[in-house]
Amino acid sequence: MIRKEIVLPAGRDEVWAALTDPRQLEEWFANDVELDLRTGGEARFSWGNGESRTAIVTEVEPEARLAFEWDGEGEVEFTLDDDVDGTRLTVVETSPAWTTALALQASALAVV
């Protein structure tokens, strides 16, 4: 299990959008994203190298919590909390796919 906290210099609404808006996810995580943002909804992520993964959304609490299961092989949970410097994003995962991508997004938001 991996647990990581990142403080992003952005409001919860911006961080939530970066995690849930397919267009924004396509800017920093995958080349093509489909996301049905409701409990039981399906997500599909495809990359330029031909890799593709699916996930099932297991929990949605807007601007506070998002969780899903990767291809039945692991889970990832995002929790958003207010921080004096922006938004604290806590990621708990049993599949490490998000770790590098989140570090890249944190860098991108710090530049804005």
PDB file of N, CA and C in Angstrom:
ATOM      1  N   MET A   1       0.843  -1.179   0.000  1.00  0.00           N
ATOM      2  CA  MET A   1       0.000   0.000   0.000  1.00  0.00           C
ATOM      3  C   MET A   1       0.891   1.246   0.000  1.00  0.00           C
ATOM      4  N   ILE A   2       0.474   2.237  -0.777  1.00  0.00           N
ATOM      5  CA  ILE A   2       1.191   3.502  -0.852  1.00  0.00           C
ATOM      6  C   ILE A   2       0.255   4.594  -0.357  1.00  0.00           C
ATOM      7  N   ARG A   3       0.770   5.440   0.513  1.00  0.00           N
ATOM      8  CA  ARG A   3       0.006   6.606   0.988  1.00  0.00           C
ATOM      9  C   ARG A   3       0.869   7.835   0.730  1.00  0.00           C
ATOM     10  N   LYS A   4       0.286   8.810   0.058  1.00  0.00           N
ATOM     11  CA  LYS A   4       1.034  10.013  -0.274  1.00  0.00           C
ATOM     12  C   LYS A   4       0.149  11.227  -0.078  1.00  0.00           C
ATOM     13  N   GLU A   5       0.723  12.276   0.484  1.00  0.00           N
ATOM     14  CA  GLU A   5       0.014  13.537   0.639  1.00  0.00           C
ATOM     15  C   GLU A   5       0.749  14.599  -0.166  1.00  0.00           C
ATOM     16  N   ILE A   6      -0.030  15.408  -0.879  1.00  0.00           N
ATOM     17  CA  ILE A   6       0.512  16.487  -1.684  1.00  0.00           C
ATOM     18  C   ILE A   6      -0.337  17.716  -1.398  1.00  0.00           C
ATOM     19  N   VAL A   7       0.296  18.843  -1.109  1.00  0.00           N
ATOM     20  CA  VAL A   7      -0.441  20.092  -0.968  1.00  0.00           C
ATOM     21  C   VAL A   7      -0.305  20.831  -2.289  1.00  0.00           C
ATOM     22  N   LEU A   8      -1.449  21.063  -2.919  1.00  0.00           N
ATOM     23  CA  LEU A   8      -1.486  21.738  -4.207  1.00  0.00           C
ATOM     24  C   LEU A   8      -1.936  23.185  -4.007  1.00  0.00           C
ATOM     25  N   PRO A   9      -1.273  24.134  -4.656  1.00  0.00           N
ATOM     26  CA  PRO A   9      -1.644  25.537  -4.498  1.00  0.00           C
ATOM     27  C   PRO A   9      -2.861  25.894  -5.343  1.00  0.00           C
ATOM     28  N   ALA A  10      -3.966  25.222  -5.061  1.00  0.00           N
ATOM     29  CA  ALA A  10      -5.208  25.398  -5.823  1.00  0.00           C
ATOM     30  C   ALA A  10      -6.373  25.067  -4.911  1.00  0.00           C
ATOM     31  N   GLY A  11      -7.562  25.586  -5.241  1.00  0.00           N
ATOM     32  CA  GLY A  11      -8.761  25.297  -4.465  1.00  0.00           C
ATOM     33  C   GLY A  11      -9.235  23.872  -4.690  1.00  0.00           C
ATOM     34  N   ARG A  12     -10.079  23.411  -3.789  1.00  0.00           N
ATOM     35  CA  ARG A  12     -10.605  22.049  -3.892  1.00  0.00           C
ATOM     36  C   ARG A  12     -11.339  21.826  -5.204  1.00  0.00           C
ATOM     37  N   ASP A  13     -12.066  22.853  -5.681  1.00  0.00           N
ATOM     38  CA  ASP A  13     -12.795  22.704  -6.933  1.00  0.00           C
ATOM     39  C   ASP A  13     -11.845  22.460  -8.105  1.00  0.00           C
ATOM     40  N   GLU A  14     -10.700  23.137  -8.106  1.00  0.00           N
ATOM     41  CA  GLU A  14      -9.717  22.942  -9.183  1.00  0.00           C
ATOM     42  C   GLU A  14      -9.075  21.557  -9.112  1.00  0.00           C
ATOM     43  N   VAL A  15      -8.734  21.129  -7.900  1.00  0.00           N
ATOM     44  CA  VAL A  15      -8.109  19.813  -7.732  1.00  0.00           C
ATOM     45  C   VAL A  15      -9.120  18.722  -8.095  1.00  0.00           C
ATOM     46  N   TRP A  16     -10.364  18.893  -7.652  1.00  0.00           N
ATOM     47  CA  TRP A  16     -11.408  17.918  -7.988  1.00  0.00           C
ATOM     48  C   TRP A  16     -11.555  17.800  -9.500  1.00  0.00           C
ATOM     49  N   ALA A  17     -11.586  18.938 -10.181  1.00  0.00           N
ATOM     50  CA  ALA A  17     -11.709  18.931 -11.641  1.00  0.00           C
ATOM     51  C   ALA A  17     -10.521  18.226 -12.291  1.00  0.00           C
ATOM     52  N   ALA A  18      -9.324  18.437 -11.775  1.00  0.00           N
ATOM     53  CA  ALA A  18      -8.137  17.779 -12.337  1.00  0.00           C
ATOM     54  C   ALA A  18      -8.218  16.263 -12.192  1.00  0.00           C
ATOM     55  N   LEU A  19      -8.920  15.792 -11.154  1.00  0.00           N
ATOM     56  CA  LEU A  19      -9.062  14.349 -10.914  1.00  0.00           C
ATOM     57  C   LEU A  19     -10.256  13.728 -11.629  1.00  0.00           C
ATOM     58  N   THR A  20     -11.240  14.545 -12.025  1.00  0.00           N
ATOM     59  CA  THR A  20     -12.496  13.973 -12.512  1.00  0.00           C
ATOM     60  C   THR A  20     -12.929  14.431 -13.896  1.00  0.00           C
ATOM     61  N   ASP A  21     -12.384  15.495 -14.413  1.00  0.00           N
ATOM     62  CA  ASP A  21     -12.756  15.994 -15.737  1.00  0.00           C
ATOM     63  C   ASP A  21     -11.903  15.264 -16.779  1.00  0.00           C
ATOM     64  N   PRO A  22     -12.516  14.481 -17.640  1.00  0.00           N
ATOM     65  CA  PRO A  22     -11.737  13.717 -18.620  1.00  0.00           C
ATOM     66  C   PRO A  22     -10.763  14.571 -19.430  1.00  0.00           C
ATOM     67  N   ARG A  23     -11.157  15.785 -19.808  1.00  0.00           N
ATOM     68  CA  ARG A  23     -10.246  16.644 -20.586  1.00  0.00           C
ATOM     69  C   ARG A  23      -9.005  16.997 -19.777  1.00  0.00           C
ATOM     70  N   GLN A  24      -9.195  17.290 -18.493  1.00  0.00           N
ATOM     71  CA  GLN A  24      -8.037  17.620 -17.660  1.00  0.00           C
ATOM     72  C   GLN A  24      -7.183  16.384 -17.387  1.00  0.00           C
ATOM     73  N   LEU A  25      -7.816  15.236 -17.184  1.00  0.00           N
ATOM     74  CA  LEU A  25      -7.052  14.001 -16.992  1.00  0.00           C
ATOM     75  C   LEU A  25      -6.211  13.685 -18.234  1.00  0.00           C
ATOM     76  N   GLU A  26      -6.732  14.027 -19.404  1.00  0.00           N
ATOM     77  CA  GLU A  26      -5.986  13.792 -20.647  1.00  0.00           C
ATOM     78  C   GLU A  26      -4.773  14.709 -20.762  1.00  0.00           C
ATOM     79  N   GLU A  27      -4.737  15.790 -20.001  1.00  0.00           N
ATOM     80  CA  GLU A  27      -3.592  16.689 -20.014  1.00  0.00           C
ATOM     81  C   GLU A  27      -2.438  16.177 -19.173  1.00  0.00           C
ATOM     82  N   TRP A  28      -2.726  15.368 -18.145  1.00  0.00           N
ATOM     83  CA  TRP A  28      -1.641  14.979 -17.247  1.00  0.00           C
ATOM     84  C   TRP A  28      -1.552  13.486 -16.918  1.00  0.00           C
ATOM     85  N   PHE A  29      -2.586  12.707 -17.243  1.00  0.00           N
ATOM     86  CA  PHE A  29      -2.529  11.303 -16.830  1.00  0.00           C
ATOM     87  C   PHE A  29      -2.544  10.327 -17.989  1.00  0.00           C
ATOM     88  N   ALA A  30      -3.511  10.411 -18.852  1.00  0.00           N
ATOM     89  CA  ALA A  30      -3.640   9.462 -19.961  1.00  0.00           C
ATOM     90  C   ALA A  30      -4.013  10.231 -21.229  1.00  0.00           C
ATOM     91  N   ASN A  31      -3.794   9.616 -22.382  1.00  0.00           N
ATOM     92  CA  ASN A  31      -4.094  10.279 -23.649  1.00  0.00           C
ATOM     93  C   ASN A  31      -5.583  10.332 -23.957  1.00  0.00           C
ATOM     94  N   ASP A  32      -6.321   9.324 -23.510  1.00  0.00           N
ATOM     95  CA  ASP A  32      -7.756   9.265 -23.766  1.00  0.00           C
ATOM     96  C   ASP A  32      -8.431   8.780 -22.489  1.00  0.00           C
ATOM     97  N   VAL A  33      -9.440   9.526 -22.026  1.00  0.00           N
ATOM     98  CA  VAL A  33     -10.105   9.201 -20.765  1.00  0.00           C
ATOM     99  C   VAL A  33     -11.614   9.245 -20.942  1.00  0.00           C
ATOM    100  N   GLU A  34     -12.286   8.220 -20.440  1.00  0.00           N
ATOM    101  CA  GLU A  34     -13.738   8.198 -20.316  1.00  0.00           C
ATOM    102  C   GLU A  34     -14.021   7.945 -18.841  1.00  0.00           C
ATOM    103  N   LEU A  35     -14.923   8.729 -18.257  1.00  0.00           N
ATOM    104  CA  LEU A  35     -15.194   8.583 -16.835  1.00  0.00           C
ATOM    105  C   LEU A  35     -16.667   8.824 -16.548  1.00  0.00           C
ATOM    106  N   ASP A  36     -17.325   7.799 -16.027  1.00  0.00           N
ATOM    107  CA  ASP A  36     -18.713   7.892 -15.571  1.00  0.00           C
ATOM    108  C   ASP A  36     -18.629   8.116 -14.065  1.00  0.00           C
ATOM    109  N   LEU A  37     -18.739   9.375 -13.665  1.00  0.00           N
ATOM    110  CA  LEU A  37     -18.463   9.782 -12.287  1.00  0.00           C
ATOM    111  C   LEU A  37     -19.664   9.548 -11.369  1.00  0.00           C
ATOM    112  N   ARG A  38     -19.924   8.283 -11.103  1.00  0.00           N
ATOM    113  CA  ARG A  38     -20.958   7.883 -10.144  1.00  0.00           C
ATOM    114  C   ARG A  38     -20.555   6.517  -9.595  1.00  0.00           C
ATOM    115  N   THR A  39     -21.020   6.208  -8.406  1.00  0.00           N
ATOM    116  CA  THR A  39     -20.704   4.912  -7.826  1.00  0.00           C
ATOM    117  C   THR A  39     -21.167   3.813  -8.776  1.00  0.00           C
ATOM    118  N   GLY A  40     -20.265   2.913  -9.120  1.00  0.00           N
ATOM    119  CA  GLY A  40     -20.549   1.844 -10.070  1.00  0.00           C
ATOM    120  C   GLY A  40     -20.219   2.227 -11.500  1.00  0.00           C
ATOM    121  N   GLY A  41     -19.892   3.504 -11.722  1.00  0.00           N
ATOM    122  CA  GLY A  41     -19.540   3.968 -13.069  1.00  0.00           C
ATOM    123  C   GLY A  41     -18.197   3.405 -13.516  1.00  0.00           C
ATOM    124  N   GLU A  42     -18.013   3.358 -14.824  1.00  0.00           N
ATOM    125  CA  GLU A  42     -16.779   2.808 -15.376  1.00  0.00           C
ATOM    126  C   GLU A  42     -15.864   3.935 -15.861  1.00  0.00           C
ATOM    127  N   ALA A  43     -14.582   3.715 -15.716  1.00  0.00           N
ATOM    128  CA  ALA A  43     -13.573   4.635 -16.229  1.00  0.00           C
ATOM    129  C   ALA A  43     -12.649   3.850 -17.155  1.00  0.00           C
ATOM    130  N   ARG A  44     -12.229   4.506 -18.230  1.00  0.00           N
ATOM    131  CA  ARG A  44     -11.277   3.904 -19.165  1.00  0.00           C
ATOM    132  C   ARG A  44     -10.164   4.895 -19.409  1.00  0.00           C
ATOM    133  N   PHE A  45      -8.937   4.423 -19.298  1.00  0.00           N
ATOM    134  CA  PHE A  45      -7.754   5.244 -19.517  1.00  0.00           C
ATOM    135  C   PHE A  45      -6.899   4.560 -20.576  1.00  0.00           C
ATOM    136  N   SER A  46      -6.510   5.311 -21.601  1.00  0.00           N
ATOM    137  CA  SER A  46      -5.663   4.767 -22.662  1.00  0.00           C
ATOM    138  C   SER A  46      -4.468   5.688 -22.853  1.00  0.00           C
ATOM    139  N   TRP A  47      -3.319   5.089 -23.120  1.00  0.00           N
ATOM    140  CA  TRP A  47      -2.085   5.826 -23.320  1.00  0.00           C
ATOM    141  C   TRP A  47      -1.582   5.641 -24.748  1.00  0.00           C
ATOM    142  N   GLY A  48      -0.706   6.527 -25.168  1.00  0.00           N
ATOM    143  CA  GLY A  48      -0.170   6.511 -26.519  1.00  0.00           C
ATOM    144  C   GLY A  48       0.612   5.263 -26.860  1.00  0.00           C
ATOM    145  N   ASN A  49       1.097   4.548 -25.854  1.00  0.00           N
ATOM    146  CA  ASN A  49       1.874   3.333 -26.105  1.00  0.00           C
ATOM    147  C   ASN A  49       0.989   2.103 -26.312  1.00  0.00           C
ATOM    148  N   GLY A  50      -0.348   2.316 -26.350  1.00  0.00           N
ATOM    149  CA  GLY A  50      -1.271   1.200 -26.563  1.00  0.00           C
ATOM    150  C   GLY A  50      -1.830   0.600 -25.287  1.00  0.00           C
ATOM    151  N   GLU A  51      -1.269   0.973 -24.141  1.00  0.00           N
ATOM    152  CA  GLU A  51      -1.773   0.451 -22.867  1.00  0.00           C
ATOM    153  C   GLU A  51      -3.142   1.046 -22.581  1.00  0.00           C
ATOM    154  N   SER A  52      -4.015   0.234 -22.011  1.00  0.00           N
ATOM    155  CA  SER A  52      -5.352   0.679 -21.659  1.00  0.00           C
ATOM    156  C   SER A  52      -5.756   0.009 -20.352  1.00  0.00           C
ATOM    157  N   ARG A  53      -6.418   0.754 -19.482  1.00  0.00           N
ATOM    158  CA  ARG A  53      -6.868   0.196 -18.210  1.00  0.00           C
ATOM    159  C   ARG A  53      -8.283   0.656 -17.942  1.00  0.00           C
ATOM    160  N   THR A  54      -9.018  -0.158 -17.225  1.00  0.00           N
ATOM    161  CA  THR A  54     -10.367   0.209 -16.821  1.00  0.00           C
ATOM    162  C   THR A  54     -10.446   0.229 -15.301  1.00  0.00           C
ATOM    163  N   ALA A  55     -11.444   0.935 -14.812  1.00  0.00           N
ATOM    164  CA  ALA A  55     -11.666   1.023 -13.377  1.00  0.00           C
ATOM    165  C   ALA A  55     -13.163   1.152 -13.130  1.00  0.00           C
ATOM    166  N   ILE A  56     -13.559   0.789 -11.938  1.00  0.00           N
ATOM    167  CA  ILE A  56     -14.943   0.960 -11.494  1.00  0.00           C
ATOM    168  C   ILE A  56     -14.923   1.947 -10.325  1.00  0.00           C
ATOM    169  N   VAL A  57     -15.722   2.999 -10.429  1.00  0.00           N
ATOM    170  CA  VAL A  57     -15.821   3.996  -9.364  1.00  0.00           C
ATOM    171  C   VAL A  57     -16.550   3.345  -8.187  1.00  0.00           C
ATOM    172  N   THR A  58     -15.934   3.400  -7.011  1.00  0.00           N
ATOM    173  CA  THR A  58     -16.542   2.784  -5.832  1.00  0.00           C
ATOM    174  C   THR A  58     -17.093   3.803  -4.849  1.00  0.00           C
ATOM    175  N   GLU A  59     -16.636   5.069  -4.963  1.00  0.00           N
ATOM    176  CA  GLU A  59     -17.155   6.094  -4.067  1.00  0.00           C
ATOM    177  C   GLU A  59     -16.913   7.472  -4.664  1.00  0.00           C
ATOM    178  N   VAL A  60     -17.923   8.337  -4.563  1.00  0.00           N
ATOM    179  CA  VAL A  60     -17.822   9.716  -5.043  1.00  0.00           C
ATOM    180  C   VAL A  60     -18.461  10.636  -4.014  1.00  0.00           C
ATOM    181  N   GLU A  61     -17.687  11.564  -3.512  1.00  0.00           N
ATOM    182  CA  GLU A  61     -18.183  12.635  -2.656  1.00  0.00           C
ATOM    183  C   GLU A  61     -17.554  13.911  -3.213  1.00  0.00           C
ATOM    184  N   PRO A  62     -18.294  14.658  -4.042  1.00  0.00           N
ATOM    185  CA  PRO A  62     -17.718  15.795  -4.768  1.00  0.00           C
ATOM    186  C   PRO A  62     -16.858  16.728  -3.916  1.00  0.00           C
ATOM    187  N   GLU A  63     -15.688  17.034  -4.473  1.00  0.00           N
ATOM    188  CA  GLU A  63     -14.678  17.903  -3.872  1.00  0.00           C
ATOM    189  C   GLU A  63     -14.166  17.406  -2.526  1.00  0.00           C
ATOM    190  N   ALA A  64     -14.408  16.126  -2.213  1.00  0.00           N
ATOM    191  CA  ALA A  64     -13.946  15.572  -0.940  1.00  0.00           C
ATOM    192  C   ALA A  64     -13.309  14.188  -1.077  1.00  0.00           C
ATOM    193  N   ARG A  65     -13.918  13.286  -1.876  1.00  0.00           N
ATOM    194  CA  ARG A  65     -13.410  11.912  -1.915  1.00  0.00           C
ATOM    195  C   ARG A  65     -13.811  11.229  -3.211  1.00  0.00           C
ATOM    196  N   LEU A  66     -12.853  10.494  -3.763  1.00  0.00           N
ATOM    197  CA  LEU A  66     -13.077   9.684  -4.956  1.00  0.00           C
ATOM    198  C   LEU A  66     -12.302   8.388  -4.768  1.00  0.00           C
ATOM    199  N   ALA A  67     -12.959   7.266  -5.043  1.00  0.00           N
ATOM    200  CA  ALA A  67     -12.273   5.980  -4.944  1.00  0.00           C
ATOM    201  C   ALA A  67     -12.708   5.106  -6.107  1.00  0.00           C
ATOM    202  N   PHE A  68     -11.770   4.291  -6.587  1.00  0.00           N
ATOM    203  CA  PHE A  68     -12.129   3.315  -7.597  1.00  0.00           C
ATOM    204  C   PHE A  68     -11.188   2.127  -7.565  1.00  0.00           C
ATOM    205  N   GLU A  69     -11.619   1.069  -8.230  1.00  0.00           N
ATOM    206  CA  GLU A  69     -10.859  -0.177  -8.305  1.00  0.00           C
ATOM    207  C   GLU A  69     -10.337  -0.332  -9.727  1.00  0.00           C
ATOM    208  N   TRP A  70      -9.025  -0.580  -9.847  1.00  0.00           N
ATOM    209  CA  TRP A  70      -8.367  -0.788 -11.136  1.00  0.00           C
ATOM    210  C   TRP A  70      -8.541  -2.213 -11.607  1.00  0.00           C
ATOM    211  N   ASP A  71      -9.172  -2.433 -12.704  1.00  0.00           N
ATOM    212  CA  ASP A  71      -9.199  -3.750 -13.357  1.00  0.00           C
ATOM    213  C   ASP A  71      -9.300  -4.908 -12.369  1.00  0.00           C
ATOM    214  N   GLY A  72      -9.872  -4.673 -11.204  1.00  0.00           N
ATOM    215  CA  GLY A  72      -9.949  -5.729 -10.194  1.00  0.00           C
ATOM    216  C   GLY A  72      -8.605  -6.061  -9.566  1.00  0.00           C
ATOM    217  N   GLU A  73      -7.571  -5.232  -9.826  1.00  0.00           N
ATOM    218  CA  GLU A  73      -6.210  -5.530  -9.364  1.00  0.00           C
ATOM    219  C   GLU A  73      -5.702  -4.602  -8.275  1.00  0.00           C
ATOM    220  N   GLY A  74      -6.424  -3.586  -7.947  1.00  0.00           N
ATOM    221  CA  GLY A  74      -5.958  -2.649  -6.935  1.00  0.00           C
ATOM    222  C   GLY A  74      -6.946  -1.513  -6.785  1.00  0.00           C
ATOM    223  N   GLU A  75      -6.802  -0.793  -5.710  1.00  0.00           N
ATOM    224  CA  GLU A  75      -7.706   0.312  -5.449  1.00  0.00           C
ATOM    225  C   GLU A  75      -6.915   1.600  -5.255  1.00  0.00           C
ATOM    226  N   VAL A  76      -7.564   2.715  -5.548  1.00  0.00           N
ATOM    227  CA  VAL A  76      -6.982   4.029  -5.289  1.00  0.00           C
ATOM    228  C   VAL A  76      -8.071   4.900  -4.687  1.00  0.00           C
ATOM    229  N   GLU A  77      -7.688   5.674  -3.688  1.00  0.00           N
ATOM    230  CA  GLU A  77      -8.627   6.552  -2.998  1.00  0.00           C
ATOM    231  C   GLU A  77      -7.988   7.937  -2.903  1.00  0.00           C
ATOM    232  N   PHE A  78      -8.741   8.966  -3.304  1.00  0.00           N
ATOM    233  CA  PHE A  78      -8.299  10.354  -3.230  1.00  0.00           C
ATOM    234  C   PHE A  78      -9.160  11.068  -2.202  1.00  0.00           C
ATOM    235  N   THR A  79      -8.527  11.770  -1.280  1.00  0.00           N
ATOM    236  CA  THR A  79      -9.247  12.571  -0.302  1.00  0.00           C
ATOM    237  C   THR A  79      -8.714  13.992  -0.388  1.00  0.00           C
ATOM    238  N   LEU A  80      -9.619  14.967  -0.472  1.00  0.00           N
ATOM    239  CA  LEU A  80      -9.249  16.371  -0.566  1.00  0.00           C
ATOM    240  C   LEU A  80      -9.635  17.083   0.724  1.00  0.00           C
ATOM    241  N   ASP A  81      -8.689  17.843   1.277  1.00  0.00           N
ATOM    242  CA  ASP A  81      -8.930  18.621   2.487  1.00  0.00           C
ATOM    243  C   ASP A  81      -8.353  20.014   2.291  1.00  0.00           C
ATOM    244  N   ASP A  82      -8.970  20.991   2.937  1.00  0.00           N
ATOM    245  CA  ASP A  82      -8.442  22.347   2.883  1.00  0.00           C
ATOM    246  C   ASP A  82      -7.101  22.407   3.598  1.00  0.00           C
ATOM    247  N   ASP A  83      -6.222  23.267   3.095  1.00  0.00           N
ATOM    248  CA  ASP A  83      -4.913  23.497   3.679  1.00  0.00           C
ATOM    249  C   ASP A  83      -4.636  24.995   3.546  1.00  0.00           C
ATOM    250  N   VAL A  84      -3.877  25.573   4.457  1.00  0.00           N
ATOM    251  CA  VAL A  84      -3.593  27.012   4.375  1.00  0.00           C
ATOM    252  C   VAL A  84      -2.912  27.376   3.066  1.00  0.00           C
ATOM    253  N   ASP A  85      -2.229  26.420   2.429  1.00  0.00           N
ATOM    254  CA  ASP A  85      -1.539  26.668   1.171  1.00  0.00           C
ATOM    255  C   ASP A  85      -2.318  26.200  -0.053  1.00  0.00           C
ATOM    256  N   GLY A  86      -3.565  25.780   0.132  1.00  0.00           N
ATOM    257  CA  GLY A  86      -4.375  25.315  -0.999  1.00  0.00           C
ATOM    258  C   GLY A  86      -5.212  24.117  -0.616  1.00  0.00           C
ATOM    259  N   THR A  87      -4.937  22.992  -1.264  1.00  0.00           N
ATOM    260  CA  THR A  87      -5.685  21.756  -1.022  1.00  0.00           C
ATOM    261  C   THR A  87      -4.720  20.615  -0.745  1.00  0.00           C
ATOM    262  N   ARG A  88      -4.984  19.897   0.329  1.00  0.00           N
ATOM    263  CA  ARG A  88      -4.192  18.707   0.650  1.00  0.00           C
ATOM    264  C   ARG A  88      -4.868  17.513  -0.014  1.00  0.00           C
ATOM    265  N   LEU A  89      -4.143  16.882  -0.926  1.00  0.00           N
ATOM    266  CA  LEU A  89      -4.633  15.696  -1.614  1.00  0.00           C
ATOM    267  C   LEU A  89      -3.929  14.492  -1.017  1.00  0.00           C
ATOM    268  N   THR A  90      -4.707  13.593  -0.436  1.00  0.00           N
ATOM    269  CA  THR A  90      -4.162  12.355   0.114  1.00  0.00           C
ATOM    270  C   THR A  90      -4.558  11.225  -0.818  1.00  0.00           C
ATOM    271  N   VAL A  91      -3.567  10.443  -1.235  1.00  0.00           N
ATOM    272  CA  VAL A  91      -3.793   9.324  -2.140  1.00  0.00           C
ATOM    273  C   VAL A  91      -3.366   8.049  -1.418  1.00  0.00           C
ATOM    274  N   VAL A  92      -4.289   7.103  -1.341  1.00  0.00           N
ATOM    275  CA  VAL A  92      -3.977   5.786  -0.783  1.00  0.00           C
ATOM    276  C   VAL A  92      -4.261   4.796  -1.900  1.00  0.00           C
ATOM    277  N   GLU A  93      -3.241   4.005  -2.226  1.00  0.00           N
ATOM    278  CA  GLU A  93      -3.412   3.089  -3.350  1.00  0.00           C
ATOM    279  C   GLU A  93      -2.756   1.748  -3.101  1.00  0.00           C
ATOM    280  N   THR A  94      -3.372   0.735  -3.702  1.00  0.00           N
ATOM    281  CA  THR A  94      -2.765  -0.589  -3.687  1.00  0.00           C
ATOM    282  C   THR A  94      -2.198  -0.899  -5.060  1.00  0.00           C
ATOM    283  N   SER A  95      -2.324   0.086  -5.986  1.00  0.00           N
ATOM    284  CA  SER A  95      -1.751  -0.008  -7.322  1.00  0.00           C
ATOM    285  C   SER A  95      -1.010   1.297  -7.568  1.00  0.00           C
ATOM    286  N   PRO A  96       0.290   1.282  -7.868  1.00  0.00           N
ATOM    287  CA  PRO A  96       1.088   2.506  -7.930  1.00  0.00           C
ATOM    288  C   PRO A  96       0.964   3.336  -9.200  1.00  0.00           C
ATOM    289  N   ALA A  97      -0.036   3.152 -10.005  1.00  0.00           N
ATOM    290  CA  ALA A  97      -0.139   3.865 -11.282  1.00  0.00           C
ATOM    291  C   ALA A  97      -0.237   5.373 -11.133  1.00  0.00           C
ATOM    292  N   TRP A  98      -0.829   5.854 -10.044  1.00  0.00           N
ATOM    293  CA  TRP A  98      -1.064   7.295  -9.903  1.00  0.00           C
ATOM    294  C   TRP A  98       0.135   8.050  -9.358  1.00  0.00           C
ATOM    295  N   THR A  99       1.060   7.419  -8.672  1.00  0.00           N
ATOM    296  CA  THR A  99       2.115   8.110  -7.950  1.00  0.00           C
ATOM    297  C   THR A  99       2.914   9.070  -8.816  1.00  0.00           C
ATOM    298  N   THR A 100       3.468   8.608  -9.917  1.00  0.00           N
ATOM    299  CA  THR A 100       4.271   9.468 -10.777  1.00  0.00           C
ATOM    300  C   THR A 100       3.423  10.554 -11.407  1.00  0.00           C
ATOM    301  N   ALA A 101       2.249  10.219 -11.866  1.00  0.00           N
ATOM    302  CA  ALA A 101       1.381  11.202 -12.505  1.00  0.00           C
ATOM    303  C   ALA A 101       0.982  12.303 -11.535  1.00  0.00           C
ATOM    304  N   LEU A 102       0.719  11.981 -10.278  1.00  0.00           N
ATOM    305  CA  LEU A 102       0.355  12.997  -9.312  1.00  0.00           C
ATOM    306  C   LEU A 102       1.522  13.937  -9.017  1.00  0.00           C
ATOM    307  N   ALA A 103       2.710  13.402  -8.979  1.00  0.00           N
ATOM    308  CA  ALA A 103       3.877  14.261  -8.770  1.00  0.00           C
ATOM    309  C   ALA A 103       4.011  15.243  -9.926  1.00  0.00           C
ATOM    310  N   LEU A 104       3.754  14.802 -11.145  1.00  0.00           N
ATOM    311  CA  LEU A 104       3.821  15.686 -12.304  1.00  0.00           C
ATOM    312  C   LEU A 104       2.741  16.755 -12.231  1.00  0.00           C
ATOM    313  N   GLN A 105       1.530  16.401 -11.809  1.00  0.00           N
ATOM    314  CA  GLN A 105       0.452  17.370 -11.707  1.00  0.00           C
ATOM    315  C   GLN A 105       0.766  18.399 -10.636  1.00  0.00           C
ATOM    316  N   ALA A 106       1.331  17.976  -9.524  1.00  0.00           N
ATOM    317  CA  ALA A 106       1.692  18.920  -8.471  1.00  0.00           C
ATOM    318  C   ALA A 106       2.689  19.940  -8.989  1.00  0.00           C
ATOM    319  N   SER A 107       3.640  19.495  -9.776  1.00  0.00           N
ATOM    320  CA  SER A 107       4.620  20.400 -10.376  1.00  0.00           C
ATOM    321  C   SER A 107       3.954  21.377 -11.329  1.00  0.00           C
ATOM    322  N   ALA A 108       3.019  20.901 -12.118  1.00  0.00           N
ATOM    323  CA  ALA A 108       2.329  21.750 -13.089  1.00  0.00           C
ATOM    324  C   ALA A 108       1.494  22.813 -12.367  1.00  0.00           C
ATOM    325  N   LEU A 109       0.790  22.440 -11.310  1.00  0.00           N
ATOM    326  CA  LEU A 109      -0.023  23.408 -10.585  1.00  0.00           C
ATOM    327  C   LEU A 109       0.845  24.428  -9.848  1.00  0.00           C
ATOM    328  N   ALA A 110       2.030  24.029  -9.415  1.00  0.00           N
ATOM    329  CA  ALA A 110       2.922  24.951  -8.715  1.00  0.00           C
ATOM    330  C   ALA A 110       3.429  26.034  -9.659  1.00  0.00           C
ATOM    331  N   VAL A 111       3.508  25.741 -10.940  1.00  0.00           N
ATOM    332  CA  VAL A 111       4.003  26.698 -11.932  1.00  0.00           C
ATOM    333  C   VAL A 111       2.942  27.722 -12.293  1.00  0.00           C
ATOM    334  N   VAL A 112       1.668  27.341 -12.203  1.00  0.00           N
ATOM    335  CA  VAL A 112       0.561  28.214 -12.630  1.00  0.00           C
ATOM    336  C   VAL A 112       0.486  29.474 -11.796  1.00  0.00           C
TER     337      VAL A 112
END
